[in-house]
Protein backbone atom coordinates (compact mmCIF):
# COMPACT_ATOMS: atom_id res chain seq x y z
CA MET A 1 -0.06 0.19 -0.04
CA GLU A 2 1.04 3.66 -1.04
CA PRO A 3 2.22 5.24 2.48
CA ARG A 4 -0.50 7.98 1.48
CA LYS A 5 -3.16 5.38 0.98
CA LYS A 6 -2.12 4.06 4.08
CA GLN A 7 -1.87 6.90 6.56
CA ALA A 8 -5.25 7.51 4.87
CA HIS A 9 -6.67 3.83 5.74
CA VAL A 10 -4.87 4.38 9.47
CA VAL A 11 -7.24 7.64 9.80
CA SER A 12 -10.07 6.17 9.01
CA ALA A 13 -10.09 3.28 11.21
CA PHE A 14 -9.05 5.52 14.28
CA ARG A 15 -12.25 7.64 13.52
CA ARG A 16 -13.74 4.87 13.62
CA THR A 17 -12.79 3.51 16.69
CA VAL A 18 -13.00 6.85 17.83
CA ILE A 19 -17.12 6.86 16.87
CA ILE A 20 -17.68 3.29 18.21
CA ALA A 21 -16.15 4.47 21.51
CA LEU A 22 -17.89 7.79 22.00
CA VAL A 23 -21.42 5.47 20.85
CA VAL A 24 -20.50 2.96 23.57
CA ALA A 25 -19.95 5.17 26.09
CA GLY A 26 -23.00 7.44 25.16
CA ALA A 27 -25.12 4.23 25.22
CA THR A 28 -23.67 3.14 28.50
CA LEU A 29 -24.12 6.79 30.11
CA THR A 30 -27.71 6.47 29.06
CA LEU A 31 -28.41 2.83 30.44
CA ALA A 32 -26.44 4.38 33.90
CA GLN A 33 -28.77 7.38 33.98
CA THR A 34 -31.79 5.06 33.20
CA ALA A 35 -31.13 2.78 35.98
CA GLU A 36 -30.28 5.46 38.62
CA ARG A 37 -33.51 6.99 37.89
CA PRO A 38 -36.15 6.57 40.60
CA PRO A 39 -39.35 4.96 39.57
CA VAL A 40 -42.32 6.97 38.75
CA LYS A 41 -44.69 6.66 41.87
CA ILE A 42 -48.38 6.32 41.92
CA GLY A 43 -50.61 6.74 44.10
CA PHE A 44 -53.69 4.76 44.04
CA MET A 45 -56.93 4.58 46.35
CA VAL A 46 -59.80 2.46 45.96
CA PRO A 47 -62.20 1.09 48.41
CA LEU A 48 -60.90 -2.44 49.62
CA SER A 49 -63.14 -2.82 52.26
CA GLY A 50 -66.52 -2.31 53.48
CA ALA A 51 -69.54 -2.43 51.15
CA ASN A 52 -67.94 -1.74 48.01
CA ALA A 53 -64.32 -3.67 48.26
CA GLN A 54 -65.13 -6.11 45.08
CA ASN A 55 -65.51 -2.57 43.01
CA GLY A 56 -62.50 -1.41 44.28
CA ARG A 57 -60.70 -4.61 43.86
CA ASP A 58 -62.11 -4.64 40.06
CA ILE A 59 -60.72 -1.33 39.55
CA LEU A 60 -57.15 -2.08 41.11
CA ASN A 61 -56.91 -5.27 39.42
CA GLY A 62 -57.36 -3.66 35.88
CA PHE A 63 -54.56 -1.56 36.55
CA LEU A 64 -52.67 -4.34 37.62
CA LEU A 65 -53.14 -6.09 34.30
CA LEU A 66 -51.86 -3.33 32.60
CA LEU A 67 -48.77 -2.65 34.36
CA GLU A 68 -48.19 -6.49 34.10
CA GLU A 69 -48.56 -6.52 30.76
CA THR A 70 -46.22 -3.15 30.10
CA GLY A 71 -43.47 -4.34 32.74
CA TYR A 72 -44.12 -1.65 35.38
CA GLN A 73 -42.40 1.06 33.46
CA ALA A 74 -43.38 3.66 31.47
CA GLY A 75 -40.70 6.63 29.69
CA GLY A 76 -37.22 4.70 30.43
CA ARG A 77 -38.74 4.41 34.08
CA LYS A 78 -39.39 1.77 36.65
CA ILE A 79 -43.38 2.41 38.16
CA GLU A 80 -43.72 1.75 41.51
CA LEU A 81 -47.37 1.78 42.71
CA ILE A 82 -48.47 2.85 46.30
CA VAL A 83 -51.96 1.61 46.92
CA GLU A 84 -54.24 2.91 49.91
CA ASP A 85 -57.76 1.61 50.90
CA ASP A 86 -60.09 4.91 51.09
CA GLU A 87 -62.71 2.32 52.47
CA GLY A 88 -65.67 4.17 50.18
CA ILE A 89 -65.70 7.14 53.01
CA PRO A 90 -64.96 10.47 51.75
CA ALA A 91 -63.05 11.61 54.79
CA VAL A 92 -61.07 8.86 54.80
CA GLY A 93 -60.26 9.16 51.08
CA LEU A 94 -59.05 12.54 51.73
CA THR A 95 -56.64 11.42 54.78
CA LYS A 96 -54.90 8.77 52.20
CA ALA A 97 -54.89 11.35 49.42
CA ARG A 98 -52.90 13.44 52.04
CA LYS A 99 -50.22 10.61 53.08
CA LEU A 100 -49.68 9.81 49.66
CA ILE A 101 -48.85 13.26 47.97
CA GLU A 102 -47.45 14.67 51.10
CA ARG A 103 -45.27 11.66 52.97
CA ASP A 104 -45.06 9.18 49.99
CA GLY A 105 -43.99 12.09 47.47
CA VAL A 106 -46.00 10.68 44.72
CA HIS A 107 -45.67 12.24 41.33
CA MET A 108 -49.14 11.47 40.29
CA MET A 109 -52.60 9.94 41.61
CA GLY A 110 -55.24 7.76 40.01
CA GLY A 111 -58.51 5.82 41.63
CA ALA A 112 -61.30 6.50 44.07
CA LEU A 113 -65.05 4.82 43.01
CA LEU A 114 -67.98 7.10 45.10
CA THR A 115 -68.69 10.28 43.53
CA SER A 116 -68.93 11.34 46.99
CA THR A 117 -65.11 10.36 47.55
CA GLY A 118 -64.44 12.12 44.14
CA TYR A 119 -65.79 15.74 44.87
CA ALA A 120 -64.12 15.82 48.50
CA LEU A 121 -60.41 14.55 46.34
CA ALA A 122 -61.20 17.51 44.01
CA PRO A 123 -60.63 20.68 46.20
CA TYR A 124 -57.31 19.29 47.89
CA ILE A 125 -55.90 17.82 44.37
CA GLU A 126 -56.52 21.44 42.88
CA SER A 127 -54.64 23.10 45.83
CA GLN A 128 -51.64 20.37 45.31
CA GLY A 129 -51.53 20.80 41.75
CA ILE A 130 -51.23 17.18 41.31
CA PRO A 131 -52.34 15.57 38.12
CA MET A 132 -54.64 12.92 38.97
CA VAL A 133 -56.92 10.00 36.77
CA TYR A 134 -60.46 9.31 37.75
CA PRO A 135 -61.33 6.18 35.90
CA VAL A 136 -64.94 5.40 37.55
CA VAL A 137 -65.79 8.63 39.36
CA SER A 138 -68.53 9.96 37.65
CA ALA A 139 -69.51 12.98 39.45
CA ASP A 140 -70.99 15.77 36.31
CA ASP A 141 -69.67 19.01 37.32
CA LEU A 142 -65.92 17.90 37.91
CA THR A 143 -65.52 18.20 33.99
CA GLN A 144 -68.46 21.10 33.82
CA ARG A 145 -69.59 23.43 35.94
CA ARG A 146 -66.65 23.11 38.50
CA ARG A 147 -63.74 22.25 36.22
CA ALA A 148 -61.09 20.54 37.72
CA LYS A 149 -57.54 21.74 36.09
CA TRP A 150 -55.59 18.55 37.69
CA ILE A 151 -58.22 15.61 37.12
CA ILE A 152 -58.73 13.70 34.09
CA ARG A 153 -61.46 11.90 33.93
CA THR A 154 -60.98 8.31 31.83
CA GLY A 155 -64.62 7.20 32.68
CA TYR A 156 -67.89 9.00 31.96
CA THR A 157 -70.26 11.52 33.73
CA GLY A 158 -72.96 9.98 35.17
CA SER A 159 -75.85 11.12 33.30
CA GLN A 160 -73.95 10.59 30.30
CA PRO A 161 -75.12 7.46 29.62
CA ASN A 162 -78.91 7.83 30.67
CA HIS A 163 -79.05 10.87 28.30
CA PRO A 164 -79.70 8.46 25.58
CA PHE A 165 -81.15 6.28 27.18
CA GLY A 166 -83.88 8.30 28.25
CA GLU A 167 -84.70 8.62 24.32
CA TYR A 168 -84.17 4.76 23.99
CA ALA A 169 -86.51 3.96 26.44
CA TYR A 170 -89.23 5.91 25.03
CA ASN A 171 -88.64 5.52 21.29
CA THR A 172 -87.16 1.78 21.28
CA LEU A 173 -88.78 0.31 24.59
CA LYS A 174 -92.14 2.32 24.16
CA LEU A 175 -91.96 3.32 27.50
CA ARG A 176 -94.21 6.07 28.55
CA THR A 177 -94.58 5.65 32.42
CA VAL A 178 -91.38 5.14 34.76
CA ALA A 179 -91.02 4.88 38.59
CA THR A 180 -86.96 5.35 39.84
CA ILE A 181 -85.24 4.35 42.74
CA ALA A 182 -81.75 4.80 43.19
CA LEU A 183 -79.28 5.25 45.97
CA ASP A 184 -79.48 8.49 47.62
CA TYR A 185 -76.14 10.39 46.95
CA GLY A 186 -74.83 12.24 43.55
CA PHE A 187 -73.91 9.14 41.62
CA GLY A 188 -77.89 8.37 41.88
CA TRP A 189 -78.88 11.90 41.56
CA GLU A 190 -76.95 12.87 38.66
CA SER A 191 -77.85 9.57 36.80
CA VAL A 192 -81.55 10.34 37.54
CA GLY A 193 -81.51 13.46 36.72
CA GLY A 194 -80.15 12.27 33.16
CA PHE A 195 -82.56 9.81 32.33
CA ARG A 196 -85.56 11.70 33.87
CA ARG A 197 -84.69 14.91 31.65
CA THR A 198 -84.33 13.12 27.95
CA PHE A 199 -87.37 10.43 28.74
CA GLU A 200 -89.45 13.61 29.85
CA GLU A 201 -88.63 15.35 26.54
CA GLN A 202 -89.85 12.55 24.37
CA GLY A 203 -93.03 12.86 26.31
CA GLY A 204 -92.51 9.88 29.17
CA ARG A 205 -93.18 10.71 33.01
CA ILE A 206 -91.45 9.43 35.46
CA THR A 207 -94.36 8.96 38.14
CA GLN A 208 -91.79 8.51 41.50
CA SER A 209 -88.81 8.98 42.57
CA LEU A 210 -87.26 7.14 45.53
CA TRP A 211 -84.03 7.57 46.93
CA ALA A 212 -82.38 4.60 49.30
CA PRO A 213 -79.26 5.08 51.74
CA LEU A 214 -76.02 3.61 51.01
CA SER A 215 -76.29 1.80 54.16
CA ILE A 216 -79.90 0.10 53.26
CA HIS A 217 -79.81 -3.49 53.89
CA ASP A 218 -83.98 -4.46 52.98
CA PHE A 219 -85.77 -2.70 50.25
CA ALA A 220 -89.58 -3.96 51.61
CA PRO A 221 -90.49 -0.57 52.62
CA TYR A 222 -89.42 0.64 49.09
CA LEU A 223 -90.74 -1.97 46.78
CA ALA A 224 -93.93 -1.77 48.71
CA GLN A 225 -94.36 1.64 47.56
CA ILE A 226 -94.10 1.19 43.94
CA SER A 227 -97.01 1.28 41.61
CA ARG A 228 -97.86 -1.69 40.02
CA ASP A 229 -99.13 -0.16 36.99
CA VAL A 230 -95.68 1.81 35.85
CA ASP A 231 -93.96 0.73 32.51
CA ALA A 232 -90.85 0.16 34.29
CA VAL A 233 -88.74 0.64 37.14
CA TYR A 234 -85.64 2.31 36.53
CA ALA A 235 -83.19 1.39 39.62
CA LEU A 236 -79.46 1.68 40.41
CA PHE A 237 -77.36 0.29 42.75
CA LEU A 238 -74.31 -1.19 42.79
CA GLY A 239 -71.80 -4.14 44.69
CA ARG A 240 -73.84 -5.34 47.59
CA THR A 241 -77.14 -3.23 46.99
CA ALA A 242 -77.58 -4.29 43.72
CA LEU A 243 -77.81 -7.93 44.41
CA GLN A 244 -79.97 -7.25 47.08
CA PHE A 245 -82.69 -5.27 45.06
CA VAL A 246 -82.63 -7.65 42.30
CA ARG A 247 -83.42 -10.37 44.53
CA GLN A 248 -85.92 -8.58 46.21
CA TYR A 249 -87.76 -7.05 43.23
CA GLU A 250 -88.17 -10.84 42.22
CA GLU A 251 -89.60 -11.62 45.48
CA TYR A 252 -92.21 -8.92 45.93
CA GLY A 253 -93.40 -10.53 42.52
CA LEU A 254 -92.55 -7.37 40.58
CA LYS A 255 -90.43 -9.42 38.28
CA GLY A 256 -92.24 -10.52 35.31
CA ARG A 257 -95.06 -7.51 35.97
CA VAL A 258 -92.98 -4.34 35.78
CA GLN A 259 -89.71 -4.36 33.35
CA LEU A 260 -86.80 -3.27 35.24
CA ILE A 261 -83.90 -0.91 33.58
CA GLY A 262 -81.70 1.01 35.00
CA MET A 263 -77.99 2.11 34.97
CA GLY A 264 -75.21 -0.16 34.50
CA THR A 265 -73.86 -0.73 37.31
CA THR A 266 -76.75 -2.54 38.69
CA THR A 267 -76.33 -5.73 36.58
CA ASP A 268 -72.66 -5.01 36.23
CA GLU A 269 -70.25 -8.12 35.69
CA HIS A 270 -68.70 -6.80 39.73
CA VAL A 271 -72.10 -8.56 40.74
CA LEU A 272 -73.64 -10.55 37.30
CA PRO A 273 -71.61 -13.88 38.21
CA ALA A 274 -73.51 -13.90 42.16
CA MET A 275 -76.99 -13.18 40.59
CA GLY A 276 -79.33 -15.39 39.28
CA ASP A 277 -82.06 -15.92 37.02
CA GLU A 278 -84.03 -12.97 38.99
CA ALA A 279 -81.81 -11.04 36.58
CA ILE A 280 -82.61 -12.34 32.97
CA GLY A 281 -84.14 -9.53 30.93
CA VAL A 282 -82.55 -6.35 33.22
CA ILE A 283 -82.04 -3.61 30.62
CA THR A 284 -79.25 -1.57 31.77
CA ALA A 285 -77.06 1.40 29.38
CA LEU A 286 -72.93 1.62 30.15
CA HIS A 287 -70.01 2.56 28.35
CA TYR A 288 -68.96 -1.23 28.51
CA SER A 289 -70.05 -4.88 28.63
CA GLY A 290 -67.78 -7.82 29.33
CA ALA A 291 -69.75 -9.40 26.19
CA LEU A 292 -68.22 -6.85 23.95
CA GLU A 293 -67.56 -8.49 20.04
CA ASN A 294 -64.29 -6.43 19.22
CA PRO A 295 -61.03 -7.47 19.51
CA ALA A 296 -59.29 -5.54 21.70
CA ASN A 297 -62.14 -6.39 24.17
CA ARG A 298 -61.74 -9.83 23.16
CA LYS A 299 -57.81 -9.50 24.48
CA PHE A 300 -58.32 -8.13 27.50
CA ALA A 301 -61.47 -10.76 28.81
CA ALA A 302 -59.54 -13.11 27.99
CA ALA A 303 -56.20 -12.20 29.96
CA TYR A 304 -58.35 -11.02 32.58
CA ARG A 305 -60.07 -14.11 32.94
CA ALA A 306 -56.59 -16.16 32.83
CA ARG A 307 -55.61 -13.63 35.47
CA TYR A 308 -57.96 -13.39 38.06
CA LYS A 309 -60.35 -15.84 37.13
CA ARG A 310 -63.05 -13.50 36.53
CA VAL A 311 -65.31 -11.80 34.13
CA PRO A 312 -63.95 -8.30 33.64
CA SER A 313 -66.48 -5.74 34.57
CA TYR A 314 -66.53 -2.18 34.03
CA TYR A 315 -64.51 -1.11 36.95
CA SER A 316 -61.80 -3.69 36.01
CA GLU A 317 -61.87 -1.94 32.10
CA SER A 318 -62.27 1.42 33.59
CA MET A 319 -58.91 1.63 34.90
CA TYR A 320 -57.07 -1.00 32.33
CA THR A 321 -58.17 1.90 30.04
CA GLY A 322 -57.38 5.02 32.31
CA GLY A 323 -53.93 2.75 32.74
CA LYS A 324 -53.38 3.78 28.85
CA TRP A 325 -53.91 7.40 29.97
CA VAL A 326 -51.48 7.26 32.36
CA LEU A 327 -48.72 5.31 30.69
CA ALA A 328 -49.26 7.22 27.20
CA ALA A 329 -48.62 10.53 29.30
CA ILE A 330 -45.40 9.37 31.20
CA ASP A 331 -43.85 8.42 27.80
CA ALA A 332 -44.90 11.44 26.26
CA VAL A 333 -42.67 13.37 28.59
CA LYS A 334 -39.95 10.74 28.59
CA GLY A 335 -40.20 9.56 31.90
CA ASN A 336 -39.69 13.25 33.64
CA VAL A 337 -43.19 13.03 35.74
CA GLU A 338 -41.28 15.54 38.15
CA ASP A 339 -42.76 18.35 35.41
CA ARG A 340 -46.59 18.25 36.34
CA ASN A 341 -47.49 20.59 33.99
CA ALA A 342 -46.11 18.29 31.13
CA LEU A 343 -47.23 15.62 32.76
CA LEU A 344 -51.05 16.80 32.73
CA GLU A 345 -50.64 17.91 29.26
CA GLY A 346 -49.52 14.61 28.34
CA LEU A 347 -52.78 13.11 30.09
CA ARG A 348 -54.79 15.52 28.39
CA ASN A 349 -53.46 15.05 25.40
CA ALA A 350 -52.86 11.12 24.90
CA ARG A 351 -54.90 9.26 22.14
CA PRO A 352 -54.76 5.36 23.18
CA THR A 353 -56.19 3.36 21.01
CA ASP A 354 -57.16 -0.34 21.27
CA LEU A 355 -59.35 -0.22 24.38
CA PRO A 356 -61.91 -2.91 25.19
CA ARG A 357 -64.55 -0.55 25.36
CA GLY A 358 -63.97 1.04 21.81
CA PRO A 359 -62.82 4.65 20.65
CA VAL A 360 -62.52 7.16 23.12
CA VAL A 361 -61.38 10.84 22.86
CA LEU A 362 -61.38 13.20 25.67
CA ASP A 363 -63.30 16.56 24.85
CA GLU A 364 -61.83 19.78 25.74
CA TYR A 365 -63.20 19.76 29.38
CA GLY A 366 -61.26 16.57 29.97
CA ASN A 367 -64.52 13.89 29.45
CA PRO A 368 -64.58 10.91 27.11
CA ILE A 369 -66.38 10.97 24.30
CA GLU A 370 -67.56 7.70 23.67
CA ASN A 371 -69.84 4.77 23.11
CA ILE A 372 -72.78 3.83 25.19
CA TYR A 373 -73.98 0.63 25.17
CA VAL A 374 -77.78 -0.92 25.90
CA ARG A 375 -77.78 -4.05 27.35
CA ARG A 376 -80.26 -6.99 28.29
CA VAL A 377 -78.98 -9.63 31.00
CA GLU A 378 -79.31 -13.04 29.16
CA ARG A 379 -78.06 -16.37 30.19
CA VAL A 380 -75.44 -17.72 27.23
CA ASN A 381 -73.85 -21.31 27.31
CA GLY A 382 -75.28 -21.40 30.76
CA VAL A 383 -73.38 -17.95 32.05
CA LEU A 384 -75.16 -14.69 33.02
CA GLN A 385 -74.05 -11.77 30.81
CA ASN A 386 -74.56 -8.39 29.68
CA THR A 387 -75.84 -8.99 25.99
CA VAL A 388 -75.17 -5.73 23.47
CA ILE A 389 -78.74 -4.66 22.17
CA ALA A 390 -78.00 -1.47 20.82
CA THR A 391 -74.64 0.51 20.20
CA LEU A 392 -75.01 4.45 20.54
CA PRO A 393 -71.94 6.23 19.23
CA ASN A 394 -69.82 9.09 20.25
CA VAL A 395 -71.75 10.22 23.17
CA SER A 396 -70.34 13.05 24.86
CA GLN A 397 -70.98 14.31 28.42
CA PHE A 398 -73.71 16.97 26.74
CA TRP A 399 -75.44 14.56 24.82
CA LYS A 400 -77.14 16.64 22.22
CA TYR A 401 -77.40 19.75 23.74
CA ASN A 402 -75.22 23.04 23.82
CA PRO A 403 -72.29 22.72 26.23
CA ALA A 404 -72.76 26.64 26.88
CA GLU A 405 -76.47 26.38 27.33
CA TYR A 406 -76.36 23.50 29.06
CA LEU A 407 -73.73 24.76 31.63
CA LYS A 408 -76.21 27.29 32.43
CA GLN A 409 -78.48 24.70 33.65
CA PRO A 410 -78.21 23.40 37.57
CA LEU A 411 -76.45 20.11 38.30
CA TYR A 412 -78.52 17.47 38.33
CA ALA A 413 -79.98 16.74 42.22
CA ARG A 414 -82.48 14.91 44.58
């Protein structure tokens, strides 16, 4: 080789060696930095004891399944989940939130079940300026008149499924008179309010509105009051109260005589496996059913059954889907969750796909626009399920109303 060419070859080889060394060093440094980064701490609260323990367990299980599928990491950092039992009591929830934020130093929050807990937490979350995802809490005003900056809702508002359901009850089910009975708190008021508004606008009539305390153990005094002359009874219950109400509805001779309809939680899969023939024929509305026939739900339902030996409930799906917003936001900020404002924007701008419930986008108020499914309880292959009998697409929290005009009206109340 000529001296000049040989010298050029040596220089070229030296440069390649230096470049490779720098790349390796850079990769080693990046790995070291990643390894040194502390985990992303997520504070999580749901009822794990009390009357709504199964609901809370389902919410937690949905999130755990997603975290297991993703190796407990996002944005190049490990995820540490710190779980607290809020007992379904707003005051306890507030105490647990303070503990998670002020003592444990979590970067973001998630969970909660009851509307009352959601409303109680909101002022504290706002004062702390920490992002929180509500996968289930359906308190209407949190994304309406009292819009919370730091709370992202990935579930629904209580009135949201009920607006289209009220119209469906009148126009498709051909109901004209309905009596309502619901749990006596925000979720019940807002759900019944949404149903009542659209049902009456179509020409229907609500003849009775009964309210049962959350601690109720016997529905006899209420069932005795229900008129046998109405076309249907609309019911809103969950957990133990749903099981008891549907059973006693049959015992008091109402099943087969007065159609039972209601909010989807009344026959949701968190209680449906414990029900019997008394539940067959109940028609409800919600944004999820374990029997949904789409590829994402078939995959999710199979994985959930394999992991927990149960059919997924809407509560299970709620945080599995909500968790996708969480992971997408952490990825969007490349793990820099210490920048809370950027993390909040990541949550607001996330566009997760392949969701078990179907397509979802957040509106400008931070609430989902999504399908609502009308479901009828049927026994299929020996097992009760919520068979989807109608899909009402792209339902907004404002239904068909102009948001500005809608927000001038008072919140649905007792």
